[in-house]
Protein backbone atom coordinates (compact mmCIF):
# COMPACT_ATOMS: atom_id res chain seq x y z
CA MET A 1 122.49 115.36 105.24
CA LYS A 2 120.05 114.72 108.65
CA LEU A 3 116.76 116.48 109.05
CA THR A 4 116.09 118.07 111.98
CA LYS A 5 112.66 116.31 111.71
CA LYS A 6 111.79 112.97 111.41
CA LEU A 7 110.73 112.54 107.33
CA ILE A 8 107.42 110.18 106.95
CA LEU A 9 106.66 109.17 103.10
CA GLY A 10 103.39 109.01 102.62
CA SER A 11 103.70 106.80 99.53
CA ASN A 12 104.27 102.66 98.29
CA SER A 13 105.88 103.92 94.60
CA PRO A 14 109.25 102.54 94.76
CA ARG A 15 110.71 104.91 91.82
CA ARG A 16 109.21 107.48 94.75
CA LYS A 17 111.30 105.74 97.58
CA GLU A 18 114.21 105.32 95.12
CA ILE A 19 114.30 108.79 94.27
CA LEU A 20 114.10 110.44 98.41
CA SER A 21 116.71 107.07 99.35
CA SER A 22 119.60 108.42 96.51
CA ALA A 23 119.52 111.75 97.63
CA GLY A 24 120.44 111.28 100.59
CA PHE A 25 117.39 111.26 102.75
CA ASP A 26 116.56 108.93 106.34
CA PHE A 27 113.25 108.78 105.95
CA GLU A 28 110.26 106.00 107.56
CA VAL A 29 107.24 105.31 104.72
CA ILE A 30 103.88 104.94 105.64
CA VAL A 31 100.73 104.64 103.77
CA ARG A 32 97.66 106.45 104.21
CA PRO A 33 94.21 104.65 102.91
CA THR A 34 92.95 108.00 100.71
CA SER A 35 90.86 108.74 98.52
CA GLU A 36 92.10 109.96 95.06
CA GLU A 37 88.48 111.68 93.77
CA PHE A 38 88.86 115.65 92.72
CA ASP A 39 86.36 117.88 90.55
CA PRO A 40 86.02 116.94 86.84
CA ILE A 41 86.49 119.82 85.80
CA THR A 42 89.55 120.93 87.93
CA HIS A 43 91.87 122.54 86.19
CA PHE A 44 94.81 119.30 85.33
CA GLU A 45 97.37 121.05 86.45
CA LYS A 46 95.77 120.88 89.79
CA VAL A 47 94.54 118.03 90.42
CA PRO A 48 97.95 116.15 91.26
CA GLU A 49 98.86 119.59 94.39
CA LEU A 50 94.92 118.68 95.33
CA LEU A 51 95.67 115.19 95.13
CA ALA A 52 99.30 115.41 97.77
CA ARG A 53 97.15 117.47 99.94
CA LYS A 54 94.61 115.44 100.10
CA LYS A 55 97.34 112.64 100.69
CA ALA A 56 99.23 114.84 103.76
CA GLU A 57 96.24 115.23 105.73
CA CYS A 58 95.62 111.92 106.78
CA PHE A 59 98.33 112.31 108.75
CA GLU A 60 97.06 114.95 110.59
CA ASP A 61 98.47 112.81 114.66
CA PHE A 62 101.52 113.76 113.01
CA ASP A 63 103.57 116.48 114.95
CA GLU A 64 105.64 119.05 114.65
CA ASN A 65 108.47 116.97 114.71
CA TYR A 66 107.64 115.17 111.53
CA LEU A 67 108.23 116.27 108.43
CA ILE A 68 105.23 114.13 106.54
CA LEU A 69 105.40 114.29 102.30
CA THR A 70 103.03 112.92 99.89
CA ALA A 71 103.17 113.54 96.36
CA ASP A 72 100.55 111.95 92.90
CA THR A 73 101.39 112.97 89.15
CA VAL A 74 99.55 112.84 86.32
CA VAL A 75 100.27 112.27 82.67
CA VAL A 76 98.49 115.25 80.18
CA LEU A 77 98.36 114.46 76.87
CA GLU A 78 95.83 117.81 75.14
CA ASN A 79 94.41 118.87 78.11
CA ARG A 80 93.15 115.49 79.00
CA ILE A 81 94.66 114.07 82.07
CA ILE A 82 95.29 110.15 81.78
CA ASN A 83 95.15 107.61 84.63
CA LYS A 84 97.12 104.39 85.47
CA PRO A 85 95.90 102.03 83.70
CA GLN A 86 93.34 98.70 83.86
CA ASN A 87 94.12 96.16 82.25
CA GLU A 88 97.04 95.14 79.54
CA ASN A 89 94.40 96.36 77.16
CA GLU A 90 94.24 99.45 78.67
CA ALA A 91 97.58 99.95 79.32
CA PHE A 92 97.96 99.66 74.94
CA GLU A 93 95.30 102.25 73.92
CA MET A 94 97.06 104.52 75.75
CA LEU A 95 100.54 104.03 74.87
CA SER A 96 99.57 104.20 71.34
CA SER A 97 97.08 108.05 72.06
CA LEU A 98 101.45 109.08 72.89
CA SER A 99 102.66 107.28 70.30
CA GLY A 100 104.34 110.10 68.42
CA LYS A 101 103.64 112.53 70.21
CA LYS A 102 104.47 114.93 73.34
CA HIS A 103 102.74 115.28 76.13
CA GLU A 104 103.06 117.14 79.83
CA VAL A 105 104.24 115.01 83.35
CA VAL A 106 102.47 117.70 86.00
CA SER A 107 103.60 116.03 90.22
CA GLY A 108 102.36 118.25 92.74
CA VAL A 109 103.45 117.21 96.84
CA CYS A 110 102.84 118.56 99.98
CA ILE A 111 105.03 119.09 102.58
CA LYS A 112 102.74 119.17 106.04
CA ASN A 113 104.66 119.99 109.30
CA GLY A 114 102.76 120.41 111.94
CA ILE A 115 99.39 122.31 110.65
CA ASP A 116 101.22 124.08 108.61
CA TYR A 117 101.32 122.83 104.18
CA GLN A 118 103.18 123.66 101.52
CA SER A 119 103.03 122.23 98.04
CA PHE A 120 103.65 123.20 93.85
CA ILE A 121 103.91 120.70 91.39
CA ASP A 122 106.61 120.80 88.03
CA ILE A 123 105.63 120.26 84.43
CA THR A 124 108.00 118.67 82.91
CA SER A 125 107.15 117.86 78.45
CA VAL A 126 107.96 114.28 77.20
CA THR A 127 107.95 113.53 73.81
CA PHE A 128 107.27 109.53 72.56
CA GLU A 129 108.32 108.32 69.33
CA GLU A 130 106.08 106.79 66.88
CA LEU A 131 105.87 103.08 68.37
CA THR A 132 104.89 100.24 67.07
CA GLU A 133 102.93 97.83 68.74
CA ALA A 134 105.52 95.39 68.72
CA GLU A 135 107.15 97.32 70.52
CA ILE A 136 104.19 98.57 73.15
CA TRP A 137 103.37 94.94 73.40
CA PHE A 138 106.68 93.45 74.43
CA TYR A 139 106.85 96.54 77.31
CA ILE A 140 104.15 95.99 78.39
CA LYS A 141 103.68 92.93 78.90
CA ASN A 142 107.56 92.50 80.40
CA PHE A 143 107.02 95.24 82.65
CA HIS A 144 104.50 95.41 83.90
CA PRO A 145 103.11 99.68 83.45
CA LEU A 146 99.70 98.43 85.48
CA ASP A 147 100.52 101.18 87.61
CA LYS A 148 101.74 103.84 86.36
CA ALA A 149 99.74 107.35 85.40
CA GLY A 150 100.41 106.54 81.47
CA ALA A 151 101.39 102.82 81.40
CA TYR A 152 104.61 104.27 81.09
CA GLY A 153 107.76 104.78 83.74
CA VAL A 154 110.10 107.10 81.93
CA GLN A 155 113.52 104.80 83.01
CA ASP A 156 111.53 101.68 81.60
CA PHE A 157 112.74 100.16 78.73
CA ILE A 158 109.95 102.62 76.78
CA GLY A 159 111.45 105.51 78.10
CA MET A 160 114.68 104.57 77.31
CA ILE A 161 113.56 103.73 72.95
CA GLY A 162 111.17 105.52 73.27
CA ILE A 163 111.46 109.15 74.36
CA PRO A 164 114.15 111.64 72.56
CA LYS A 165 113.51 114.31 73.82
CA ILE A 166 112.09 115.66 78.25
CA GLU A 167 112.18 119.46 78.55
CA GLY A 168 111.95 119.76 82.26
CA SER A 169 113.21 117.28 85.31
CA PHE A 170 113.47 113.47 84.52
CA TYR A 171 112.47 112.98 88.67
CA THR A 172 108.96 114.77 87.71
CA VAL A 173 108.73 112.39 84.77
CA MET A 174 109.69 109.55 87.33
CA GLY A 175 106.87 111.06 89.97
CA LEU A 176 108.88 113.08 92.82
CA PRO A 177 110.48 116.74 91.51
CA ILE A 178 113.36 116.89 94.05
CA HIS A 179 115.27 119.40 93.20
CA LEU A 180 112.19 121.30 94.40
CA ILE A 181 112.07 118.67 97.17
CA TYR A 182 115.70 119.61 98.25
CA LYS A 183 114.71 123.38 98.20
CA ALA A 184 111.63 122.92 100.58
CA LEU A 185 112.96 120.57 103.04
CA GLN A 186 116.64 123.12 103.17
CA PRO A 187 115.55 124.79 106.07
CA TYR A 188 115.79 121.45 108.83
CA ILE A 189 119.05 120.04 106.81
CA ILE A 190 122.19 119.39 108.48
CA PHE A 191 125.45 117.81 106.85
CA GLU A 192 127.80 116.69 109.21
């Protein structure tokens, strides 16, 4: 599988790189610093799409020979966004609040092609088991989830032992709804 244009992933996320690579895409990673601030009254479903678009707009110097792919993911519990934790105690509080409850993960994507921007979101519901304090601290100390929205990775220990049910795409929870990205990139795909 080849693309007719050069694909740039505007993310340093190891999970996004892994998903895109596993799906068979060749790409280069270029990250440009972007403010991730947004108006607090913005509806949670709009935030990841808005931030993905802001990230893509940092690549205005790339012409239509390039496809720029940017993404953002938020965890939403009871209509409130749970961001990345600042420290281990905050990670503990986040995971404790998710324990025994259902929440949503919203991943937003933007694909820039010259001056055209295509953006979309995908939402997946995630159900957590009741987690013990010992399980949560074990996870924090051994898996260092400070770089993850909601303080967890679905593919890590906590997802294996604590998430019995996912309604939607597993890859959306990991941060990249690859099924939708594939559809968006189909016009540029050549099978050899």
